[in-house]
Amino acid sequence: MSQPPLISVQTLGFTYPGTTVPALTDLTFQVARGEWVALVGSNGSGKSTLARILNALLVPTQGACFVDGMNCSDESLVWEIRRKLSMVFQNPENQIVTTVVEDEVAFGPENLGLPSEEIRRRVDNALEVTGLTEKASKAVYTLSGGQKQRLAIAGALAMKSDCLLLDEPTAMLDPQGRAEVLELLGRLHSLGHSIVLISHHLEEVMAADRVLVLL
């Protein structure tokens, strides 16, 4: 028997307050567990709006969105949804909250109230997977743009998220930083992580299992 989808979007629509022009209209798709789905589209097609609905930052004005069976419109489930599906923003500095690399990775697990031994294990594993072990005790400001984006991903891994949702994660990076992030995403996918990647660089979506185009 096949598993239910990790993400299920059903006739989804969204219109921002104060406007009559919808940002999204009648959107339906699913993301399977372990699948890598890329979302592409022109500016204004609703990619970032969709990302914020998936992460329960916005409530759809039409249809429904479910993450692991949880309705993203249910305010009581917001934090559980964000534990299942971690969002990585275009600018990593918008989500980094501490000054030391390993403290940043530990921030989420600490807020879950986990035992110190479990936090240490998660931090060490996330730093190893993202190639930041040698930077553990360094100040965040000493990292390159690509390393900061990998740090944001490490924070999501330490939360044991089922899915990474990345909104234009390489848009502010140089070619080397972009290559580092994409190589990491490929390794995470091979390890079974679900990935939803929003990008306007067509060469970045070639590794995805599916590409969805927003018009």
N, C-alpha and C. Protein backbone atom coordinates (compact mmCIF):
# COMPACT_ATOMS: atom_id res chain seq x y z
N MET A 1 0.85 -1.20 0.00
CA MET A 1 0.00 0.00 0.00
C MET A 1 0.88 1.25 0.00
N SER A 2 0.61 2.15 -0.94
CA SER A 2 1.43 3.35 -1.07
C SER A 2 1.17 4.32 0.08
N GLN A 3 2.21 5.08 0.43
CA GLN A 3 2.07 6.06 1.50
C GLN A 3 1.30 7.27 1.02
N PRO A 4 0.58 7.94 1.93
CA PRO A 4 -0.08 9.19 1.55
C PRO A 4 0.97 10.24 1.23
N PRO A 5 0.64 11.23 0.40
CA PRO A 5 1.62 12.26 0.03
C PRO A 5 2.06 13.08 1.24
N LEU A 6 3.28 13.58 1.20
CA LEU A 6 3.75 14.46 2.26
C LEU A 6 3.07 15.82 2.17
N ILE A 7 2.90 16.30 0.94
CA ILE A 7 2.23 17.58 0.69
C ILE A 7 1.09 17.35 -0.28
N SER A 8 -0.07 17.90 0.03
CA SER A 8 -1.23 17.82 -0.85
C SER A 8 -1.86 19.19 -0.98
N VAL A 9 -1.87 19.72 -2.20
CA VAL A 9 -2.45 21.04 -2.48
C VAL A 9 -3.69 20.83 -3.34
N GLN A 10 -4.82 21.35 -2.89
CA GLN A 10 -6.10 21.06 -3.53
C GLN A 10 -6.82 22.34 -3.91
N THR A 11 -6.96 22.56 -5.22
CA THR A 11 -7.64 23.74 -5.80
C THR A 11 -7.30 25.01 -5.03
N LEU A 12 -6.02 25.20 -4.80
CA LEU A 12 -5.53 26.29 -3.96
C LEU A 12 -5.58 27.63 -4.68
N GLY A 13 -5.99 28.64 -3.93
CA GLY A 13 -5.97 30.01 -4.45
C GLY A 13 -5.66 30.98 -3.34
N PHE A 14 -5.07 32.11 -3.72
CA PHE A 14 -4.78 33.15 -2.73
C PHE A 14 -4.85 34.52 -3.38
N THR A 15 -5.55 35.42 -2.69
CA THR A 15 -5.65 36.82 -3.11
C THR A 15 -5.24 37.70 -1.95
N TYR A 16 -4.27 38.55 -2.17
CA TYR A 16 -3.81 39.43 -1.10
C TYR A 16 -4.87 40.47 -0.76
N PRO A 17 -4.99 40.83 0.51
CA PRO A 17 -5.96 41.86 0.92
C PRO A 17 -5.71 43.16 0.16
N GLY A 18 -6.78 43.80 -0.24
CA GLY A 18 -6.67 45.08 -0.93
C GLY A 18 -6.53 44.98 -2.43
N THR A 19 -6.56 43.74 -2.96
CA THR A 19 -6.48 43.58 -4.40
C THR A 19 -7.51 42.55 -4.85
N THR A 20 -7.92 42.64 -6.09
CA THR A 20 -8.88 41.68 -6.65
C THR A 20 -8.19 40.69 -7.59
N VAL A 21 -6.91 40.89 -7.82
CA VAL A 21 -6.17 40.01 -8.72
C VAL A 21 -5.51 38.89 -7.92
N PRO A 22 -5.91 37.64 -8.13
CA PRO A 22 -5.36 36.54 -7.33
C PRO A 22 -3.90 36.29 -7.65
N ALA A 23 -3.12 35.98 -6.60
CA ALA A 23 -1.72 35.58 -6.78
C ALA A 23 -1.63 34.12 -7.21
N LEU A 24 -2.59 33.31 -6.76
CA LEU A 24 -2.67 31.89 -7.14
C LEU A 24 -4.12 31.54 -7.41
N THR A 25 -4.34 30.67 -8.39
CA THR A 25 -5.70 30.28 -8.73
C THR A 25 -5.76 28.79 -9.06
N ASP A 26 -6.62 28.06 -8.36
CA ASP A 26 -6.97 26.68 -8.71
C ASP A 26 -5.73 25.80 -8.92
N LEU A 27 -4.83 25.80 -7.94
CA LEU A 27 -3.59 25.04 -8.03
C LEU A 27 -3.74 23.71 -7.29
N THR A 28 -3.42 22.61 -7.97
CA THR A 28 -3.53 21.27 -7.38
C THR A 28 -2.29 20.45 -7.72
N PHE A 29 -1.65 19.91 -6.70
CA PHE A 29 -0.52 19.01 -6.92
C PHE A 29 -0.20 18.29 -5.61
N GLN A 30 0.65 17.27 -5.69
CA GLN A 30 1.09 16.53 -4.51
C GLN A 30 2.60 16.34 -4.57
N VAL A 31 3.20 16.19 -3.40
CA VAL A 31 4.62 15.87 -3.30
C VAL A 31 4.74 14.60 -2.47
N ALA A 32 5.34 13.58 -3.04
CA ALA A 32 5.52 12.31 -2.33
C ALA A 32 6.68 12.40 -1.35
N ARG A 33 6.70 11.52 -0.39
CA ARG A 33 7.80 11.46 0.56
C ARG A 33 9.09 11.05 -0.17
N GLY A 34 10.14 11.80 0.06
CA GLY A 34 11.41 11.52 -0.60
C GLY A 34 11.54 12.10 -1.99
N GLU A 35 10.53 12.82 -2.46
CA GLU A 35 10.55 13.37 -3.81
C GLU A 35 11.20 14.76 -3.82
N TRP A 36 11.83 15.09 -4.93
CA TRP A 36 12.39 16.43 -5.17
C TRP A 36 11.54 17.08 -6.26
N VAL A 37 10.83 18.12 -5.88
CA VAL A 37 9.98 18.85 -6.81
C VAL A 37 10.50 20.28 -6.95
N ALA A 38 10.66 20.73 -8.17
CA ALA A 38 11.08 22.10 -8.44
C ALA A 38 9.89 22.91 -8.92
N LEU A 39 9.78 24.13 -8.41
CA LEU A 39 8.73 25.06 -8.83
C LEU A 39 9.37 26.21 -9.57
N VAL A 40 8.95 26.42 -10.81
CA VAL A 40 9.49 27.51 -11.61
C VAL A 40 8.35 28.36 -12.12
N GLY A 41 8.68 29.56 -12.52
CA GLY A 41 7.68 30.48 -13.05
C GLY A 41 8.25 31.88 -13.11
N SER A 42 7.64 32.72 -13.88
CA SER A 42 8.10 34.10 -14.03
C SER A 42 7.83 34.89 -12.75
N ASN A 43 8.44 36.06 -12.64
CA ASN A 43 8.15 36.95 -11.51
C ASN A 43 6.66 37.26 -11.48
N GLY A 44 6.07 37.16 -10.29
CA GLY A 44 4.64 37.43 -10.16
C GLY A 44 3.76 36.22 -10.39
N SER A 45 4.36 35.04 -10.62
CA SER A 45 3.56 33.85 -10.87
C SER A 45 3.03 33.21 -9.58
N GLY A 46 3.53 33.68 -8.42
CA GLY A 46 3.01 33.18 -7.15
C GLY A 46 3.89 32.18 -6.45
N LYS A 47 5.14 32.03 -6.89
CA LYS A 47 6.03 31.02 -6.29
C LYS A 47 6.25 31.27 -4.80
N SER A 48 6.62 32.48 -4.45
CA SER A 48 6.88 32.79 -3.04
C SER A 48 5.60 32.78 -2.21
N THR A 49 4.50 33.17 -2.80
CA THR A 49 3.21 33.07 -2.11
C THR A 49 2.90 31.63 -1.77
N LEU A 50 3.10 30.74 -2.72
CA LEU A 50 2.87 29.31 -2.48
C LEU A 50 3.77 28.80 -1.36
N ALA A 51 5.05 29.21 -1.37
CA ALA A 51 5.98 28.77 -0.33
C ALA A 51 5.48 29.17 1.04
N ARG A 52 4.96 30.37 1.16
CA ARG A 52 4.50 30.86 2.46
C ARG A 52 3.21 30.18 2.90
N ILE A 53 2.41 29.73 1.95
CA ILE A 53 1.22 28.94 2.31
C ILE A 53 1.64 27.56 2.80
N LEU A 54 2.59 26.94 2.10
CA LEU A 54 3.07 25.62 2.50
C LEU A 54 3.67 25.65 3.90
N ASN A 55 4.30 26.76 4.27
CA ASN A 55 4.94 26.89 5.57
C ASN A 55 4.00 27.52 6.61
N ALA A 56 2.72 27.65 6.26
CA ALA A 56 1.69 28.17 7.17
C ALA A 56 1.95 29.62 7.59
N LEU A 57 2.62 30.37 6.70
CA LEU A 57 2.79 31.80 6.95
C LEU A 57 1.63 32.60 6.37
N LEU A 58 0.98 32.03 5.37
CA LEU A 58 -0.22 32.63 4.79
C LEU A 58 -1.34 31.58 4.78
N VAL A 59 -2.55 32.03 4.90
CA VAL A 59 -3.72 31.13 4.87
C VAL A 59 -4.40 31.29 3.51
N PRO A 60 -4.61 30.18 2.77
CA PRO A 60 -5.23 30.29 1.44
C PRO A 60 -6.63 30.88 1.52
N THR A 61 -6.97 31.61 0.49
CA THR A 61 -8.33 32.16 0.40
C THR A 61 -9.24 31.25 -0.42
N GLN A 62 -8.67 30.21 -0.99
CA GLN A 62 -9.44 29.22 -1.75
C GLN A 62 -8.76 27.87 -1.61
N GLY A 63 -9.52 26.80 -1.52
CA GLY A 63 -8.96 25.46 -1.47
C GLY A 63 -8.24 25.16 -0.16
N ALA A 64 -7.34 24.20 -0.21
CA ALA A 64 -6.66 23.75 1.02
C ALA A 64 -5.27 23.24 0.71
N CYS A 65 -4.44 23.25 1.74
CA CYS A 65 -3.07 22.74 1.66
C CYS A 65 -2.81 21.89 2.89
N PHE A 66 -2.28 20.68 2.69
CA PHE A 66 -2.01 19.77 3.79
C PHE A 66 -0.54 19.35 3.77
N VAL A 67 0.09 19.33 4.94
CA VAL A 67 1.45 18.82 5.11
C VAL A 67 1.38 17.66 6.09
N ASP A 68 1.73 16.47 5.61
CA ASP A 68 1.64 15.25 6.41
C ASP A 68 0.24 15.10 7.02
N GLY A 69 -0.77 15.46 6.24
CA GLY A 69 -2.15 15.33 6.67
C GLY A 69 -2.66 16.48 7.51
N MET A 70 -1.80 17.44 7.85
CA MET A 70 -2.20 18.58 8.70
C MET A 70 -2.59 19.77 7.83
N ASN A 71 -3.74 20.33 8.13
CA ASN A 71 -4.25 21.47 7.37
C ASN A 71 -3.45 22.73 7.71
N CYS A 72 -2.82 23.33 6.70
CA CYS A 72 -2.00 24.52 6.92
C CYS A 72 -2.81 25.73 7.38
N SER A 73 -4.13 25.65 7.28
CA SER A 73 -4.99 26.75 7.73
C SER A 73 -5.35 26.65 9.21
N ASP A 74 -4.97 25.54 9.85
CA ASP A 74 -5.29 25.31 11.26
C ASP A 74 -4.21 25.95 12.13
N GLU A 75 -4.54 27.04 12.80
CA GLU A 75 -3.56 27.79 13.59
C GLU A 75 -2.93 26.93 14.69
N SER A 76 -3.67 25.96 15.19
CA SER A 76 -3.14 25.12 16.27
C SER A 76 -2.05 24.17 15.78
N LEU A 77 -1.91 24.02 14.46
CA LEU A 77 -0.94 23.07 13.90
C LEU A 77 0.28 23.77 13.28
N VAL A 78 0.33 25.10 13.37
CA VAL A 78 1.36 25.86 12.67
C VAL A 78 2.76 25.38 13.01
N TRP A 79 3.09 25.25 14.28
CA TRP A 79 4.45 24.90 14.68
C TRP A 79 4.79 23.47 14.33
N GLU A 80 3.82 22.57 14.40
CA GLU A 80 4.06 21.18 14.02
C GLU A 80 4.32 21.09 12.51
N ILE A 81 3.56 21.88 11.74
CA ILE A 81 3.77 21.91 10.28
C ILE A 81 5.18 22.41 9.97
N ARG A 82 5.61 23.44 10.68
CA ARG A 82 6.95 24.01 10.42
C ARG A 82 8.07 23.10 10.89
N ARG A 83 7.77 22.19 11.80
CA ARG A 83 8.76 21.16 12.16
C ARG A 83 8.87 20.12 11.05
N LYS A 84 7.75 19.82 10.40
CA LYS A 84 7.75 18.83 9.33
C LYS A 84 8.37 19.39 8.05
N LEU A 85 8.13 20.68 7.81
CA LEU A 85 8.55 21.31 6.57
C LEU A 85 9.28 22.61 6.92
N SER A 86 10.61 22.57 6.81
CA SER A 86 11.43 23.73 7.18
C SER A 86 11.71 24.59 5.95
N MET A 87 11.51 25.89 6.09
CA MET A 87 11.70 26.80 4.98
C MET A 87 13.07 27.47 5.05
N VAL A 88 13.73 27.52 3.91
CA VAL A 88 15.01 28.21 3.78
C VAL A 88 14.80 29.37 2.82
N PHE A 89 15.05 30.58 3.30
CA PHE A 89 14.74 31.78 2.53
C PHE A 89 15.87 32.15 1.58
N GLN A 90 15.57 33.09 0.70
CA GLN A 90 16.54 33.57 -0.29
C GLN A 90 17.78 34.15 0.38
N ASN A 91 17.56 34.96 1.42
CA ASN A 91 18.67 35.57 2.15
C ASN A 91 18.81 34.85 3.48
N PRO A 92 19.87 34.07 3.67
CA PRO A 92 20.01 33.29 4.91
C PRO A 92 20.07 34.17 6.16
N GLU A 93 20.55 35.40 6.01
CA GLU A 93 20.67 36.28 7.17
C GLU A 93 19.31 36.66 7.74
N ASN A 94 18.25 36.46 6.96
CA ASN A 94 16.90 36.76 7.45
C ASN A 94 16.41 35.71 8.45
N GLN A 95 17.10 34.57 8.56
CA GLN A 95 16.64 33.53 9.48
C GLN A 95 17.70 33.08 10.47
N ILE A 96 18.91 33.62 10.36
CA ILE A 96 19.96 33.31 11.32
C ILE A 96 19.80 34.21 12.54
N VAL A 97 19.74 33.62 13.73
CA VAL A 97 19.40 34.39 14.93
C VAL A 97 20.52 34.42 15.98
N THR A 98 21.57 33.61 15.82
CA THR A 98 22.65 33.61 16.80
C THR A 98 23.94 34.07 16.13
N THR A 99 25.01 34.15 16.90
CA THR A 99 26.28 34.68 16.38
C THR A 99 27.35 33.62 16.15
N VAL A 100 27.13 32.40 16.68
CA VAL A 100 28.10 31.32 16.54
C VAL A 100 27.45 30.17 15.78
N VAL A 101 28.21 29.56 14.88
CA VAL A 101 27.67 28.56 13.96
C VAL A 101 26.96 27.43 14.69
N GLU A 102 27.61 26.76 15.63
CA GLU A 102 26.98 25.62 16.28
C GLU A 102 25.79 26.03 17.14
N ASP A 103 25.81 27.25 17.68
CA ASP A 103 24.67 27.75 18.45
C ASP A 103 23.45 27.93 17.54
N GLU A 104 23.70 28.34 16.30
CA GLU A 104 22.61 28.52 15.35
C GLU A 104 21.94 27.18 15.04
N VAL A 105 22.74 26.17 14.84
CA VAL A 105 22.20 24.84 14.53
C VAL A 105 21.44 24.28 15.73
N ALA A 106 21.91 24.61 16.93
CA ALA A 106 21.28 24.10 18.15
C ALA A 106 20.01 24.85 18.53
N PHE A 107 19.79 26.00 17.94
CA PHE A 107 18.69 26.88 18.36
C PHE A 107 17.34 26.18 18.31
N GLY A 108 17.03 25.54 17.19
CA GLY A 108 15.74 24.87 17.06
C GLY A 108 15.56 23.72 18.03
N PRO A 109 16.50 22.77 18.06
CA PRO A 109 16.38 21.65 19.01
C PRO A 109 16.29 22.11 20.47
N GLU A 110 17.01 23.16 20.83
CA GLU A 110 16.92 23.67 22.20
C GLU A 110 15.52 24.15 22.51
N ASN A 111 14.88 24.79 21.54
CA ASN A 111 13.51 25.27 21.76
C ASN A 111 12.50 24.14 21.85
N LEU A 112 12.89 22.96 21.39
CA LEU A 112 12.02 21.78 21.54
C LEU A 112 12.17 21.16 22.92
N GLY A 113 13.16 21.64 23.69
CA GLY A 113 13.38 21.10 25.03
C GLY A 113 14.02 19.73 25.04
N LEU A 114 14.82 19.44 24.02
CA LEU A 114 15.45 18.12 23.93
C LEU A 114 16.61 18.01 24.93
N PRO A 115 16.96 16.79 25.34
CA PRO A 115 18.12 16.60 26.22
C PRO A 115 19.39 17.11 25.56
N SER A 116 20.34 17.57 26.37
CA SER A 116 21.56 18.15 25.82
C SER A 116 22.33 17.16 24.96
N GLU A 117 22.30 15.88 25.32
CA GLU A 117 23.02 14.87 24.53
C GLU A 117 22.41 14.73 23.13
N GLU A 118 21.08 14.77 23.05
CA GLU A 118 20.41 14.68 21.76
C GLU A 118 20.68 15.92 20.93
N ILE A 119 20.68 17.09 21.56
CA ILE A 119 20.98 18.33 20.83
C ILE A 119 22.40 18.26 20.26
N ARG A 120 23.35 17.82 21.07
CA ARG A 120 24.73 17.72 20.61
C ARG A 120 24.84 16.78 19.42
N ARG A 121 24.15 15.65 19.51
CA ARG A 121 24.20 14.66 18.42
C ARG A 121 23.62 15.25 17.14
N ARG A 122 22.49 15.94 17.26
CA ARG A 122 21.86 16.53 16.07
C ARG A 122 22.73 17.61 15.46
N VAL A 123 23.33 18.44 16.31
CA VAL A 123 24.18 19.52 15.81
C VAL A 123 25.39 18.96 15.08
N ASP A 124 26.05 17.99 15.68
CA ASP A 124 27.24 17.40 15.07
C ASP A 124 26.89 16.75 13.73
N ASN A 125 25.78 16.05 13.67
CA ASN A 125 25.37 15.38 12.44
C ASN A 125 25.04 16.40 11.35
N ALA A 126 24.29 17.45 11.71
CA ALA A 126 23.90 18.46 10.72
C ALA A 126 25.12 19.21 10.18
N LEU A 127 26.07 19.51 11.05
CA LEU A 127 27.29 20.19 10.61
C LEU A 127 28.11 19.30 9.69
N GLU A 128 28.16 18.01 10.01
CA GLU A 128 28.91 17.08 9.16
C GLU A 128 28.29 16.96 7.78
N VAL A 129 26.97 16.80 7.74
CA VAL A 129 26.27 16.63 6.46
C VAL A 129 26.43 17.86 5.57
N THR A 130 26.42 19.04 6.18
CA THR A 130 26.50 20.29 5.41
C THR A 130 27.93 20.78 5.20
N GLY A 131 28.90 20.02 5.69
CA GLY A 131 30.29 20.38 5.49
C GLY A 131 30.76 21.56 6.30
N LEU A 132 30.17 21.77 7.48
CA LEU A 132 30.50 22.92 8.30
C LEU A 132 31.14 22.55 9.64
N THR A 133 31.55 21.30 9.79
CA THR A 133 32.10 20.86 11.06
C THR A 133 33.26 21.75 11.52
N GLU A 134 34.15 22.10 10.61
CA GLU A 134 35.32 22.89 10.97
C GLU A 134 34.95 24.34 11.32
N LYS A 135 33.72 24.73 11.00
CA LYS A 135 33.27 26.09 11.28
C LYS A 135 32.44 26.16 12.56
N ALA A 136 32.30 25.06 13.28
CA ALA A 136 31.37 24.97 14.41
C ALA A 136 31.51 26.11 15.41
N SER A 137 32.74 26.46 15.77
CA SER A 137 32.95 27.47 16.80
C SER A 137 33.20 28.87 16.23
N LYS A 138 33.07 29.00 14.92
CA LYS A 138 33.32 30.29 14.28
C LYS A 138 32.12 31.21 14.39
N ALA A 139 32.39 32.51 14.29
CA ALA A 139 31.31 33.50 14.24
C ALA A 139 30.60 33.41 12.90
N VAL A 140 29.30 33.57 12.92
CA VAL A 140 28.51 33.45 11.70
C VAL A 140 28.97 34.46 10.65
N TYR A 141 29.36 35.66 11.10
CA TYR A 141 29.71 36.70 10.13
C TYR A 141 30.95 36.36 9.31
N THR A 142 31.74 35.37 9.76
CA THR A 142 32.94 34.98 9.02
C THR A 142 32.63 34.03 7.86
N LEU A 143 31.41 33.55 7.78
CA LEU A 143 31.03 32.61 6.72
C LEU A 143 30.77 33.33 5.40
N SER A 144 31.01 32.62 4.32
CA SER A 144 30.64 33.13 3.00
C SER A 144 29.13 33.01 2.82
N GLY A 145 28.62 33.58 1.74
CA GLY A 145 27.18 33.49 1.49
C GLY A 145 26.72 32.05 1.33
N GLY A 146 27.50 31.25 0.62
CA GLY A 146 27.13 29.85 0.44
C GLY A 146 27.16 29.08 1.74
N GLN A 147 28.14 29.39 2.58
CA GLN A 147 28.22 28.72 3.88
C GLN A 147 27.06 29.12 4.79
N LYS A 148 26.65 30.38 4.71
CA LYS A 148 25.50 30.81 5.51
C LYS A 148 24.23 30.09 5.06
N GLN A 149 24.09 29.88 3.76
CA GLN A 149 22.91 29.17 3.28
C GLN A 149 22.96 27.71 3.71
N ARG A 150 24.16 27.12 3.71
CA ARG A 150 24.29 25.75 4.20
C ARG A 150 24.03 25.69 5.71
N LEU A 151 24.36 26.76 6.41
CA LEU A 151 24.06 26.83 7.84
C LEU A 151 22.55 26.84 8.07
N ALA A 152 21.83 27.59 7.25
CA ALA A 152 20.37 27.60 7.36
C ALA A 152 19.80 26.20 7.12
N ILE A 153 20.38 25.49 6.17
CA ILE A 153 19.94 24.12 5.90
C ILE A 153 20.29 23.21 7.07
N ALA A 154 21.47 23.41 7.67
CA ALA A 154 21.87 22.61 8.83
C ALA A 154 20.87 22.79 9.97
N GLY A 155 20.39 24.00 10.17
CA GLY A 155 19.38 24.23 11.21
C GLY A 155 18.12 23.43 10.96
N ALA A 156 17.72 23.32 9.68
CA ALA A 156 16.54 22.53 9.35
C ALA A 156 16.80 21.04 9.59
N LEU A 157 17.99 20.59 9.24
CA LEU A 157 18.33 19.17 9.45
C LEU A 157 18.32 18.82 10.94
N ALA A 158 18.80 19.75 11.77
CA ALA A 158 18.82 19.50 13.21
C ALA A 158 17.42 19.39 13.80
N MET A 159 16.44 19.95 13.10
CA MET A 159 15.04 19.85 13.54
C MET A 159 14.38 18.56 13.08
N LYS A 160 15.13 17.76 12.31
CA LYS A 160 14.62 16.49 11.79
C LYS A 160 13.39 16.72 10.89
N SER A 161 13.44 17.78 10.11
CA SER A 161 12.32 18.08 9.22
C SER A 161 12.21 17.01 8.13
N ASP A 162 10.98 16.69 7.75
CA ASP A 162 10.75 15.71 6.70
C ASP A 162 10.99 16.30 5.31
N CYS A 163 10.87 17.63 5.21
CA CYS A 163 10.95 18.27 3.90
C CYS A 163 11.66 19.61 4.02
N LEU A 164 12.50 19.92 3.04
CA LEU A 164 13.12 21.23 2.94
C LEU A 164 12.40 22.01 1.85
N LEU A 165 11.95 23.20 2.19
CA LEU A 165 11.30 24.10 1.25
C LEU A 165 12.22 25.29 1.05
N LEU A 166 12.78 25.42 -0.14
CA LEU A 166 13.79 26.43 -0.40
C LEU A 166 13.30 27.44 -1.43
N ASP A 167 13.23 28.70 -1.02
CA ASP A 167 12.71 29.77 -1.88
C ASP A 167 13.88 30.56 -2.46
N GLU A 168 14.24 30.25 -3.72
CA GLU A 168 15.35 30.92 -4.41
C GLU A 168 16.62 30.91 -3.55
N PRO A 169 17.08 29.75 -3.07
CA PRO A 169 18.17 29.71 -2.10
C PRO A 169 19.52 30.15 -2.64
N THR A 170 19.67 30.20 -3.97
CA THR A 170 20.97 30.58 -4.54
C THR A 170 20.96 31.96 -5.18
N ALA A 171 19.85 32.67 -5.04
CA ALA A 171 19.70 33.94 -5.77
C ALA A 171 20.76 34.97 -5.38
N MET A 172 21.25 34.93 -4.14
CA MET A 172 22.20 35.93 -3.67
C MET A 172 23.62 35.40 -3.59
N LEU A 173 23.87 34.23 -4.20
CA LEU A 173 25.17 33.58 -4.08
C LEU A 173 25.99 33.72 -5.36
N ASP A 174 27.32 33.65 -5.18
CA ASP A 174 28.21 33.61 -6.34
C ASP A 174 28.21 32.19 -6.90
N PRO A 175 28.83 31.96 -8.06
CA PRO A 175 28.79 30.62 -8.66
C PRO A 175 29.29 29.51 -7.73
N GLN A 176 30.33 29.77 -6.96
CA GLN A 176 30.84 28.74 -6.06
C GLN A 176 29.82 28.41 -4.97
N GLY A 177 29.24 29.46 -4.38
CA GLY A 177 28.23 29.24 -3.34
C GLY A 177 27.02 28.51 -3.89
N ARG A 178 26.62 28.86 -5.11
CA ARG A 178 25.47 28.19 -5.74
C ARG A 178 25.77 26.71 -5.94
N ALA A 179 26.97 26.41 -6.41
CA ALA A 179 27.35 25.01 -6.64
C ALA A 179 27.37 24.22 -5.34
N GLU A 180 27.85 24.85 -4.25
CA GLU A 180 27.91 24.18 -2.95
C GLU A 180 26.51 23.81 -2.47
N VAL A 181 25.57 24.73 -2.59
CA VAL A 181 24.21 24.49 -2.12
C VAL A 181 23.54 23.41 -2.95
N LEU A 182 23.69 23.47 -4.26
CA LEU A 182 23.06 22.48 -5.12
C LEU A 182 23.65 21.09 -4.91
N GLU A 183 24.96 21.01 -4.68
CA GLU A 183 25.59 19.72 -4.40
C GLU A 183 25.05 19.15 -3.10
N LEU A 184 24.85 20.01 -2.10
CA LEU A 184 24.29 19.57 -0.82
C LEU A 184 22.87 19.05 -1.00
N LEU A 185 22.06 19.76 -1.77
CA LEU A 185 20.68 19.32 -1.99
C LEU A 185 20.65 17.96 -2.67
N GLY A 186 21.57 17.74 -3.61
CA GLY A 186 21.63 16.45 -4.26
C GLY A 186 21.95 15.33 -3.29
N ARG A 187 22.87 15.58 -2.37
CA ARG A 187 23.22 14.57 -1.37
C ARG A 187 22.06 14.31 -0.41
N LEU A 188 21.37 15.38 0.00
CA LEU A 188 20.24 15.21 0.91
C LEU A 188 19.13 14.41 0.25
N HIS A 189 18.90 14.67 -1.02
CA HIS A 189 17.87 13.92 -1.74
C HIS A 189 18.25 12.44 -1.82
N SER A 190 19.52 12.16 -2.05
CA SER A 190 19.96 10.76 -2.12
C SER A 190 19.82 10.05 -0.78
N LEU A 191 19.78 10.84 0.30
CA LEU A 191 19.60 10.27 1.65
C LEU A 191 18.13 10.13 2.01
N GLY A 192 17.24 10.53 1.10
CA GLY A 192 15.81 10.33 1.33
C GLY A 192 15.03 11.56 1.74
N HIS A 193 15.67 12.72 1.77
CA HIS A 193 14.97 13.94 2.15
C HIS A 193 14.05 14.41 1.02
N SER A 194 12.88 14.88 1.39
CA SER A 194 11.98 15.52 0.43
C SER A 194 12.44 16.97 0.24
N ILE A 195 12.39 17.44 -0.99
CA ILE A 195 12.83 18.80 -1.31
C ILE A 195 11.82 19.47 -2.22
N VAL A 196 11.46 20.70 -1.87
CA VAL A 196 10.68 21.56 -2.76
C VAL A 196 11.55 22.78 -3.01
N LEU A 197 12.01 22.93 -4.24
CA LEU A 197 12.95 24.00 -4.61
C LEU A 197 12.27 24.98 -5.54
N ILE A 198 12.23 26.24 -5.13
CA ILE A 198 11.72 27.31 -5.97
C ILE A 198 12.92 28.02 -6.59
N SER A 199 12.92 28.13 -7.90
CA SER A 199 14.06 28.75 -8.58
C SER A 199 13.62 29.33 -9.91
N HIS A 200 14.34 30.36 -10.35
CA HIS A 200 14.12 30.86 -11.71
C HIS A 200 15.30 30.51 -12.62
N HIS A 201 16.27 29.74 -12.06
CA HIS A 201 17.39 29.25 -12.85
C HIS A 201 17.06 27.84 -13.34
N LEU A 202 16.81 27.70 -14.63
CA LEU A 202 16.39 26.41 -15.15
C LEU A 202 17.46 25.34 -14.96
N GLU A 203 18.76 25.74 -14.97
CA GLU A 203 19.81 24.75 -14.80
C GLU A 203 19.82 24.17 -13.39
N GLU A 204 19.17 24.86 -12.45
CA GLU A 204 19.16 24.39 -11.06
C GLU A 204 18.10 23.32 -10.81
N VAL A 205 17.17 23.18 -11.72
CA VAL A 205 16.06 22.24 -11.48
C VAL A 205 16.24 20.92 -12.22
N MET A 206 17.37 20.77 -12.91
CA MET A 206 17.57 19.58 -13.72
C MET A 206 17.63 18.30 -12.89
N ALA A 207 18.07 18.42 -11.62
CA ALA A 207 18.19 17.23 -10.77
C ALA A 207 16.87 16.82 -10.13
N ALA A 208 15.85 17.65 -10.26
CA ALA A 208 14.56 17.37 -9.60
C ALA A 208 13.86 16.19 -10.26
N ASP A 209 13.03 15.51 -9.46
CA ASP A 209 12.23 14.41 -10.02
C ASP A 209 11.12 14.93 -10.92
N ARG A 210 10.58 16.10 -10.54
CA ARG A 210 9.52 16.74 -11.32
C ARG A 210 9.71 18.25 -11.29
N VAL A 211 9.24 18.91 -12.34
CA VAL A 211 9.25 20.37 -12.40
C VAL A 211 7.81 20.84 -12.62
N LEU A 212 7.33 21.70 -11.71
CA LEU A 212 6.01 22.29 -11.84
C LEU A 212 6.17 23.73 -12.27
N VAL A 213 5.42 24.14 -13.28
CA VAL A 213 5.53 25.49 -13.81
C VAL A 213 4.29 26.29 -13.40
N LEU A 214 4.51 27.41 -12.71
CA LEU A 214 3.42 28.32 -12.37
C LEU A 214 3.34 29.40 -13.43
N LEU A 215 2.17 29.57 -13.98
CA LEU A 215 1.95 30.54 -15.06
C LEU A 215 1.31 31.81 -14.56
